[in-house]
């Protein structure tokens, strides 16, 4: 039985939290491999609702090991705040159930301020980030000036490391007419938080190898969605990390041979937060209806999500770029009661029909969706746990989605409750 990688097959917010929680019950170890606290998962377990941004979803379940891999950029203060918040809900986080990669790059106040400065710029220059410093932290990682978790264990080296970091950031701040950062303030920011986060530090690549050799089931938990991938997404309106399934190996220190089944999560319609192209976006009453029924507001930011019909072109593309073996189709119940439902099957670009989303930003802005119309259903799908409980037209819709994206639907989610899931194929047993 192989390990499972979970990735969003759209622009994020696909409902990964519920599915990861459902899978984590079968897993021994749950690993976050990219992103930061800009991601958001909402878990509903019994009467409790947990909102996680940085911690792996498995930490709310006893006996599971949560791992934050080297591919994550870590805000140590956000980590501590999340740990403290979970404690008020009865979940205690210790080294027994959480490890953090020693080589994870840190998000600092300099990154948050720079992110906010950019996002408050002139119209047309913003990306729509969460202003949490994710992008600037990844920039420093690639620029080889990042402060990493392991550096907190060697405080005597921090002055030189912080000076190197601020040589870059203070030049940017001078150019923006802002006061420079004081190195002593940044050093204090790091030394104050070090005692709270260093107990979780580990050599994660070695830990993961040990888990694999011991036959443990490993669940790799992606954040955001494949269409926000810095290489394969709608650039530049993307996140600053690779969000496709291949990053599970790089971001955890495991070889690609350790990856097994890739489960893509996709809503039965499409949503997006922030700026960027969205070919099937609806600016009418139908879009408002989908957003209201689906409670489409960001877990982390509370921002209203843009809504539109299911885009089979985009999901078919992410099936290929992430090597997706099966799809978990979520929020099918939100489409209950529509007289007709549309699916985007292709695009028109400058008078020609194409079957993919071009990489060009200008071309992405010009594509027009080609729709296929399917008859809707009046009976409720909410709470269905088997195919026989679904209306015939709902089943027809799911089957058509499978045909168009070139991947089977492995699970169907019909409400936020974890039990309201139709299981076709268990990824851990595939």
Protein backbone atom coordinates (compact mmCIF):
# COMPACT_ATOMS: atom_id res chain seq x y z
CA UNK A 1 0.00 0.00 0.00
CA UNK A 2 1.64 3.20 -1.21
CA UNK A 3 1.85 6.70 0.13
CA UNK A 4 -0.66 9.33 -0.98
CA UNK A 5 -0.08 12.87 -2.25
CA UNK A 6 -3.03 15.29 -2.05
CA UNK A 7 -3.02 18.37 -4.26
CA UNK A 8 -5.59 20.96 -5.21
CA UNK A 9 -6.56 20.61 -8.87
CA UNK A 10 -7.85 24.18 -9.24
CA UNK A 11 -6.89 27.52 -7.62
CA UNK A 12 -7.04 26.24 -4.05
CA UNK A 13 -9.96 26.22 -1.59
CA UNK A 14 -11.19 22.92 -3.08
CA UNK A 15 -12.03 21.33 0.25
CA UNK A 16 -8.71 19.58 0.86
CA UNK A 17 -9.12 19.84 4.64
CA UNK A 18 -12.00 17.40 4.86
CA UNK A 19 -10.40 14.88 2.50
CA UNK A 20 -6.98 15.12 4.14
CA UNK A 21 -8.63 14.58 7.52
CA UNK A 22 -10.50 11.57 6.16
CA UNK A 23 -7.26 10.13 4.75
CA UNK A 24 -5.20 11.03 7.82
CA UNK A 25 -7.21 8.57 9.87
CA UNK A 26 -5.57 5.86 7.76
CA UNK A 27 -2.12 7.46 7.71
CA UNK A 28 0.67 7.35 10.26
CA UNK A 29 2.42 10.54 9.15
CA UNK A 30 1.02 13.69 7.51
CA UNK A 31 3.49 16.02 5.77
CA UNK A 32 3.15 19.64 4.62
CA UNK A 33 5.59 20.10 1.75
CA UNK A 34 5.14 23.69 0.44
CA UNK A 35 3.52 27.03 1.09
CA UNK A 36 3.16 28.67 4.45
CA UNK A 37 0.45 30.07 6.69
CA UNK A 38 -1.26 31.58 3.65
CA UNK A 39 -3.01 28.23 3.22
CA UNK A 40 -6.18 27.39 5.09
CA UNK A 41 -7.86 24.10 5.97
CA UNK A 42 -11.12 23.82 7.87
CA UNK A 43 -11.68 20.48 9.60
CA UNK A 44 -15.04 19.50 11.06
CA UNK A 45 -14.69 16.60 13.47
CA UNK A 46 -17.82 15.82 15.43
CA UNK A 47 -18.91 19.04 17.07
CA UNK A 48 -15.49 20.68 16.77
CA UNK A 49 -14.29 22.91 13.94
CA UNK A 50 -10.55 23.39 13.55
CA UNK A 51 -9.03 26.03 11.29
CA UNK A 52 -5.44 25.26 10.38
CA UNK A 53 -3.06 27.34 8.31
CA UNK A 54 0.42 25.95 8.90
CA UNK A 55 0.09 22.74 10.88
CA UNK A 56 -0.52 19.47 9.00
CA UNK A 57 -4.14 18.35 9.31
CA UNK A 58 -3.21 15.10 11.05
CA UNK A 59 -2.15 16.85 14.28
CA UNK A 60 -5.74 17.07 15.50
CA UNK A 61 -5.95 13.27 15.56
CA UNK A 62 -4.26 11.24 18.34
CA UNK A 63 -1.37 9.01 17.37
CA UNK A 64 -0.49 10.83 14.15
CA UNK A 65 2.83 12.51 13.41
CA UNK A 66 2.63 15.88 11.67
CA UNK A 67 5.66 17.05 9.71
CA UNK A 68 6.43 20.50 8.27
CA UNK A 69 8.90 19.89 5.47
CA UNK A 70 11.75 21.95 4.10
CA UNK A 71 9.58 23.14 1.21
CA UNK A 72 7.47 25.22 3.62
CA UNK A 73 8.39 28.78 4.57
CA UNK A 74 7.79 29.03 8.30
CA UNK A 75 6.56 32.02 10.25
CA UNK A 76 7.60 30.94 13.77
CA UNK A 77 5.19 33.35 15.45
CA UNK A 78 2.29 32.08 13.34
CA UNK A 79 3.26 28.51 14.25
CA UNK A 80 3.25 29.26 17.97
CA UNK A 81 -0.05 31.15 17.72
CA UNK A 82 -1.65 28.19 15.95
CA UNK A 83 -0.32 25.75 18.53
CA UNK A 84 -1.67 27.92 21.34
CA UNK A 85 -5.05 28.26 19.63
CA UNK A 86 -5.38 24.49 19.25
CA UNK A 87 -4.52 24.08 22.92
CA UNK A 88 -7.68 26.00 23.81
CA UNK A 89 -9.59 23.41 21.78
CA UNK A 90 -8.01 20.52 23.65
CA UNK A 91 -5.32 19.60 21.10
CA UNK A 92 -1.84 19.51 22.62
CA UNK A 93 1.09 19.84 20.22
CA UNK A 94 4.42 18.39 21.36
CA UNK A 95 7.47 16.86 19.72
CA UNK A 96 5.61 13.56 19.84
CA UNK A 97 3.16 14.73 17.18
CA UNK A 98 4.98 17.53 15.34
CA UNK A 99 8.39 17.85 13.70
CA UNK A 100 9.70 20.75 11.63
CA UNK A 101 12.53 20.53 9.10
CA UNK A 102 15.72 22.12 10.34
CA UNK A 103 16.32 23.62 6.90
CA UNK A 104 12.94 25.32 6.58
CA UNK A 105 13.34 29.01 5.71
CA UNK A 106 11.74 31.49 8.13
CA UNK A 107 9.26 34.29 7.47
CA UNK A 108 10.16 37.44 9.41
CA UNK A 109 8.64 40.87 9.90
CA UNK A 110 10.77 42.20 7.04
CA UNK A 111 8.96 39.81 4.71
CA UNK A 112 5.49 40.68 5.94
CA UNK A 113 6.11 44.40 5.56
CA UNK A 114 7.53 44.01 2.05
CA UNK A 115 4.57 41.87 1.01
CA UNK A 116 2.11 44.43 2.35
CA UNK A 117 3.98 47.26 0.64
CA UNK A 118 3.76 45.53 -2.73
CA UNK A 119 0.09 44.65 -2.35
CA UNK A 120 -0.80 48.26 -1.55
CA UNK A 121 0.81 49.44 -4.78
CA UNK A 122 -0.88 51.00 -7.80
CA UNK A 123 -3.76 49.21 -9.54
CA UNK A 124 -2.52 46.63 -12.00
CA UNK A 125 0.67 45.91 -10.08
CA UNK A 126 -0.74 43.72 -7.32
CA UNK A 127 -1.00 39.92 -7.34
CA UNK A 128 -3.63 39.41 -4.64
CA UNK A 129 -1.44 37.73 -2.02
CA UNK A 130 -2.43 37.24 1.61
CA UNK A 131 0.26 39.76 2.70
CA UNK A 132 1.80 37.21 5.04
CA UNK A 133 5.33 37.46 3.68
CA UNK A 134 5.29 34.18 1.77
CA UNK A 135 6.65 35.51 -1.53
CA UNK A 136 9.47 37.61 -0.08
CA UNK A 137 10.54 34.68 2.13
CA UNK A 138 10.79 32.39 -0.90
CA UNK A 139 12.74 35.11 -2.71
CA UNK A 140 15.28 35.20 0.11
CA UNK A 141 15.48 31.41 0.13
CA UNK A 142 16.32 31.32 -3.56
CA UNK A 143 18.62 34.34 -3.11
CA UNK A 144 20.55 32.35 -0.46
CA UNK A 145 20.11 34.95 2.26
CA UNK A 146 17.29 33.33 4.25
CA UNK A 147 17.39 32.67 7.97
CA UNK A 148 16.56 29.00 8.50
CA UNK A 149 15.20 27.23 11.55
CA UNK A 150 18.56 25.63 12.34
CA UNK A 151 20.13 29.08 12.60
CA UNK A 152 18.11 29.80 15.75
CA UNK A 153 20.06 27.03 17.49
CA UNK A 154 23.28 28.99 16.85
CA UNK A 155 22.50 32.51 18.09
CA UNK A 156 26.13 33.59 17.80
CA UNK A 157 25.82 33.33 14.00
CA UNK A 158 22.67 35.42 13.76
CA UNK A 159 24.25 38.92 13.57
CA UNK A 160 26.17 38.08 10.40
CA UNK A 161 23.16 36.30 8.86
CA UNK A 162 20.80 39.17 9.67
CA UNK A 163 23.26 41.73 8.26
CA UNK A 164 23.33 39.77 4.98
CA UNK A 165 19.53 39.66 4.90
CA UNK A 166 19.11 43.36 5.65
CA UNK A 167 21.69 44.40 3.07
CA UNK A 168 19.02 43.39 0.55
CA UNK A 169 15.88 44.48 2.38
CA UNK A 170 17.12 47.86 3.53
CA UNK A 171 18.10 48.73 -0.02
CA UNK A 172 14.50 48.02 -1.05
CA UNK A 173 13.18 50.08 1.86
CA UNK A 174 15.39 53.04 1.00
CA UNK A 175 14.09 52.92 -2.53
CA UNK A 176 10.52 53.02 -1.19
CA UNK A 177 11.31 55.93 1.11
CA UNK A 178 10.95 53.82 4.27
CA UNK A 179 13.11 53.66 7.37
CA UNK A 180 15.68 50.88 7.44
CA UNK A 181 15.28 47.83 9.63
CA UNK A 182 17.46 47.73 12.75
CA UNK A 183 19.42 44.47 12.89
CA UNK A 184 19.07 44.29 16.67
CA UNK A 185 15.28 44.30 16.36
CA UNK A 186 15.34 41.37 13.91
CA UNK A 187 17.79 39.44 16.09
CA UNK A 188 15.52 39.92 19.10
CA UNK A 189 12.55 38.78 17.01
CA UNK A 190 14.42 35.53 16.36
CA UNK A 191 15.91 34.90 19.79
CA UNK A 192 12.61 35.56 21.57
CA UNK A 193 10.74 32.89 19.61
CA UNK A 194 13.55 30.33 19.39
CA UNK A 195 12.72 28.49 22.66
CA UNK A 196 9.15 27.88 21.47
CA UNK A 197 10.00 26.41 18.05
CA UNK A 198 13.39 24.70 18.39
CA UNK A 199 11.96 21.73 20.35
CA UNK A 200 10.15 20.67 17.16
CA UNK A 201 13.24 20.82 14.93
CA UNK A 202 14.38 17.61 13.26
CA UNK A 203 16.32 16.22 10.30
CA UNK A 204 13.16 15.62 8.35
CA UNK A 205 14.66 13.93 5.27
CA UNK A 206 16.13 11.28 7.56
CA UNK A 207 12.93 10.99 9.60
CA UNK A 208 10.89 10.48 6.43
CA UNK A 209 13.25 7.79 5.19
CA UNK A 210 12.92 5.99 8.53
CA UNK A 211 9.13 6.22 8.36
CA UNK A 212 9.11 4.82 4.84
CA UNK A 213 11.46 1.95 5.70
CA UNK A 214 9.30 1.10 8.72
CA UNK A 215 6.32 0.66 6.41
CA UNK A 216 4.45 3.68 7.72
CA UNK A 217 1.65 5.16 5.64
CA UNK A 218 2.60 8.70 4.66
CA UNK A 219 0.15 11.35 3.51
CA UNK A 220 1.59 14.39 1.73
CA UNK A 221 -0.66 17.41 2.16
CA UNK A 222 -0.48 20.13 -0.46
CA UNK A 223 -1.58 23.71 0.05
CA UNK A 224 -3.25 26.07 -2.44
CA UNK A 225 -3.87 24.49 -5.86
CA UNK A 226 -1.96 23.38 -8.94
CA UNK A 227 -3.15 26.42 -10.90
CA UNK A 228 -1.26 28.60 -8.40
CA UNK A 229 2.02 26.78 -9.09
CA UNK A 230 4.84 29.24 -9.78
CA UNK A 231 5.77 27.33 -12.95
CA UNK A 232 2.54 25.69 -14.12
CA UNK A 233 -0.06 28.15 -12.83
CA UNK A 234 -1.55 31.39 -14.12
CA UNK A 235 1.69 33.34 -13.76
CA UNK A 236 2.23 35.96 -12.37
CA UNK A 237 -1.02 35.51 -10.42
CA UNK A 238 0.35 32.52 -8.55
CA UNK A 239 1.88 31.64 -5.22
CA UNK A 240 5.66 31.57 -4.79
CA UNK A 241 6.11 27.81 -4.52
CA UNK A 242 5.55 24.73 -6.62
CA UNK A 243 2.12 23.36 -5.74
CA UNK A 244 2.05 20.40 -8.13
CA UNK A 245 2.52 16.86 -6.82
CA UNK A 246 6.19 16.65 -7.76
CA UNK A 247 6.97 19.14 -4.98
CA UNK A 248 5.98 16.52 -2.40
CA UNK A 249 9.34 14.84 -2.98
CA UNK A 250 11.47 18.00 -3.09
CA UNK A 251 9.67 19.66 -0.19
CA UNK A 252 10.04 16.71 2.18
CA UNK A 253 13.47 15.37 1.26
CA UNK A 254 12.14 12.09 -0.09
CA UNK A 255 12.86 10.64 -3.51
CA UNK A 256 10.07 10.61 -6.10
CA UNK A 257 9.93 6.83 -5.88
CA UNK A 258 8.35 7.20 -2.43
CA UNK A 259 5.32 8.93 -3.89
CA UNK A 260 2.38 6.66 -4.61
CA UNK A 261 -1.18 7.62 -5.47
CA UNK A 262 -1.81 11.28 -6.37
CA UNK A 263 -5.27 12.47 -5.37
CA UNK A 264 -6.42 15.74 -6.88
CA UNK A 265 -9.18 17.71 -5.16
CA UNK A 266 -11.60 19.68 -7.32
CA UNK A 267 -14.88 21.42 -6.63
CA UNK A 268 -17.89 20.57 -8.77
CA UNK A 269 -17.63 24.20 -9.87
CA UNK A 270 -14.70 26.64 -9.84
CA UNK A 271 -13.60 29.37 -7.43
CA UNK A 272 -10.68 31.72 -7.15
CA UNK A 273 -9.44 34.25 -4.57
CA UNK A 274 -7.42 37.26 -5.61
CA UNK A 275 -6.39 38.58 -9.00
CA UNK A 276 -5.77 36.71 -12.22
CA UNK A 277 -7.55 35.06 -15.15
CA UNK A 278 -10.71 33.05 -14.59
CA UNK A 279 -12.29 32.00 -17.91
CA UNK A 280 -15.55 30.61 -16.46
CA UNK A 281 -16.15 33.32 -13.84
CA UNK A 282 -19.80 34.29 -13.44
CA UNK A 283 -20.68 37.92 -12.76
CA UNK A 284 -24.40 37.29 -12.50
CA UNK A 285 -27.04 35.94 -10.14
CA UNK A 286 -25.87 32.38 -10.74
CA UNK A 287 -22.36 33.22 -9.56
CA UNK A 288 -23.78 34.92 -6.47
CA UNK A 289 -26.02 31.92 -5.82
CA UNK A 290 -23.10 29.49 -6.00
CA UNK A 291 -21.00 31.69 -3.72
CA UNK A 292 -23.75 32.11 -1.14
CA UNK A 293 -24.69 28.44 -1.06
CA UNK A 294 -21.06 27.35 -0.97
CA UNK A 295 -20.07 29.84 1.77
CA UNK A 296 -17.24 30.94 -0.49
CA UNK A 297 -15.05 33.00 1.78
CA UNK A 298 -11.35 32.34 2.38
CA UNK A 299 -10.43 30.34 5.49
CA UNK A 300 -7.36 32.48 6.17
CA UNK A 301 -8.33 35.91 4.85
CA UNK A 302 -12.13 35.89 4.85
CA UNK A 303 -12.01 37.30 1.32
CA UNK A 304 -14.97 36.60 -0.95
CA UNK A 305 -14.17 34.03 -3.61
CA UNK A 306 -14.93 34.51 -7.27
CA UNK A 307 -17.22 31.75 -8.58
CA UNK A 308 -17.85 30.11 -11.94
CA UNK A 309 -18.77 26.91 -13.74
CA UNK A 310 -16.55 23.82 -13.69
CA UNK A 311 -13.62 24.26 -16.07
CA UNK A 312 -12.68 20.84 -17.42
CA UNK A 313 -9.86 22.33 -19.50
CA UNK A 314 -8.01 23.52 -16.41
CA UNK A 315 -8.55 20.37 -14.37
CA UNK A 316 -7.51 18.18 -17.31
CA UNK A 317 -4.32 20.23 -17.48
CA UNK A 318 -3.56 19.79 -13.76
CA UNK A 319 -4.30 16.07 -14.01
CA UNK A 320 -1.35 15.93 -16.38
CA UNK A 321 1.06 18.33 -14.65
CA UNK A 322 0.55 16.62 -11.29
CA UNK A 323 0.19 13.03 -12.52
CA UNK A 324 -3.18 12.78 -10.79
CA UNK A 325 -4.48 9.21 -10.47
CA UNK A 326 -7.93 10.10 -9.20
CA UNK A 327 -10.09 13.10 -8.35
CA UNK A 328 -12.06 13.85 -5.21
CA UNK A 329 -15.00 15.93 -6.40
CA UNK A 330 -16.25 18.20 -3.61
CA UNK A 331 -19.32 20.37 -3.01
CA UNK A 332 -21.52 18.53 -5.47
CA UNK A 333 -24.49 19.49 -3.29
CA UNK A 334 -24.02 23.19 -4.07
CA UNK A 335 -25.29 22.50 -7.60
CA UNK A 336 -28.59 21.04 -6.33
CA UNK A 337 -31.64 22.77 -7.78
CA UNK A 338 -30.13 24.29 -10.92
CA UNK A 339 -32.24 23.79 -14.03
CA UNK A 340 -29.13 23.44 -16.11
CA UNK A 341 -25.42 23.27 -15.41
CA UNK A 342 -22.59 24.25 -17.71
CA UNK A 343 -19.13 22.70 -18.08
CA UNK A 344 -16.29 24.39 -19.94
CA UNK A 345 -14.91 21.90 -22.48
CA UNK A 346 -12.54 24.13 -24.45
CA UNK A 347 -11.54 27.72 -25.22
CA UNK A 348 -11.69 30.09 -28.13
CA UNK A 349 -8.57 32.17 -28.60
CA UNK A 350 -8.46 34.73 -31.40
CA UNK A 351 -11.00 32.75 -33.41
CA UNK A 352 -9.36 29.35 -32.91
CA UNK A 353 -10.45 26.49 -30.63
CA UNK A 354 -7.82 25.24 -28.16
CA UNK A 355 -7.90 22.55 -25.46
CA UNK A 356 -5.49 24.02 -22.89
CA UNK A 357 -4.76 27.26 -21.05
CA UNK A 358 -1.81 29.05 -22.66
CA UNK A 359 1.12 30.14 -20.50
CA UNK A 360 1.00 33.66 -21.92
CA UNK A 361 -0.61 36.16 -19.56
CA UNK A 362 -2.00 38.14 -22.49
CA UNK A 363 -3.50 35.05 -24.10
CA UNK A 364 -4.97 33.87 -20.79
CA UNK A 365 -6.84 37.16 -20.57
CA UNK A 366 -8.29 36.68 -24.06
CA UNK A 367 -9.53 33.08 -23.91
CA UNK A 368 -13.29 32.57 -24.00
CA UNK A 369 -14.93 29.44 -22.58
CA UNK A 370 -16.77 26.93 -24.75
CA UNK A 371 -19.63 25.45 -22.75
CA UNK A 372 -21.53 22.22 -22.80
CA UNK A 373 -24.92 22.36 -21.07
CA UNK A 374 -26.14 19.50 -18.90
CA UNK A 375 -29.58 19.10 -17.39
CA UNK A 376 -29.62 19.83 -13.65
CA UNK A 377 -31.36 17.95 -10.85
CA UNK A 378 -33.99 18.88 -8.28
CA UNK A 379 -33.44 16.15 -5.69
CA UNK A 380 -30.88 16.87 -2.97
CA UNK A 381 -27.42 15.33 -3.04
CA UNK A 382 -26.48 16.84 0.33
CA UNK A 383 -25.43 14.13 2.75
CA UNK A 384 -25.38 11.33 0.17
CA UNK A 385 -22.98 8.51 1.03
CA UNK A 386 -23.55 6.12 -1.89
CA UNK A 387 -24.21 6.32 -5.62
CA UNK A 388 -27.76 5.07 -5.15
CA UNK A 389 -28.56 8.14 -3.04
CA UNK A 390 -27.61 10.49 -5.90
CA UNK A 391 -30.10 11.70 -8.53
CA UNK A 392 -29.50 10.18 -11.94
CA UNK A 393 -28.58 13.56 -13.43
CA UNK A 394 -26.00 14.16 -10.70
CA UNK A 395 -24.35 10.84 -11.55
CA UNK A 396 -24.43 11.80 -15.22
CA UNK A 397 -22.69 15.07 -14.35
CA UNK A 398 -19.93 13.26 -12.42
CA UNK A 399 -19.41 10.77 -15.24
CA UNK A 400 -19.15 13.57 -17.78
CA UNK A 401 -16.55 15.32 -15.62
CA UNK A 402 -14.52 12.09 -15.58
CA UNK A 403 -14.62 11.87 -19.37
CA UNK A 404 -13.58 15.46 -19.88
CA UNK A 405 -10.66 15.57 -17.40
CA UNK A 406 -9.23 12.16 -18.26
CA UNK A 407 -9.18 10.84 -14.70
CA UNK A 408 -11.59 8.80 -12.59
CA UNK A 409 -13.51 10.30 -9.68
CA UNK A 410 -12.24 8.41 -6.63
CA UNK A 411 -14.40 10.20 -4.06
CA UNK A 412 -17.40 12.49 -4.05
CA UNK A 413 -18.01 14.88 -1.15
CA UNK A 414 -21.61 15.96 -0.54
CA UNK A 415 -21.26 18.14 2.59
CA UNK A 416 -18.57 19.46 4.96
CA UNK A 417 -19.17 16.44 7.24
CA UNK A 418 -16.44 13.85 6.75
CA UNK A 419 -18.94 10.96 6.73
CA UNK A 420 -20.83 12.48 3.81
CA UNK A 421 -18.44 11.02 1.27
CA UNK A 422 -19.00 8.54 -1.52
CA UNK A 423 -15.93 6.32 -1.75
CA UNK A 424 -15.19 4.82 -5.15
CA UNK A 425 -11.51 4.04 -4.65
CA UNK A 426 -9.46 4.34 -1.47
CA UNK A 427 -6.18 6.02 -2.48
CA UNK A 428 -4.26 4.12 0.20
CA UNK A 429 -5.45 0.82 -1.23
CA UNK A 430 -5.25 1.62 -4.93
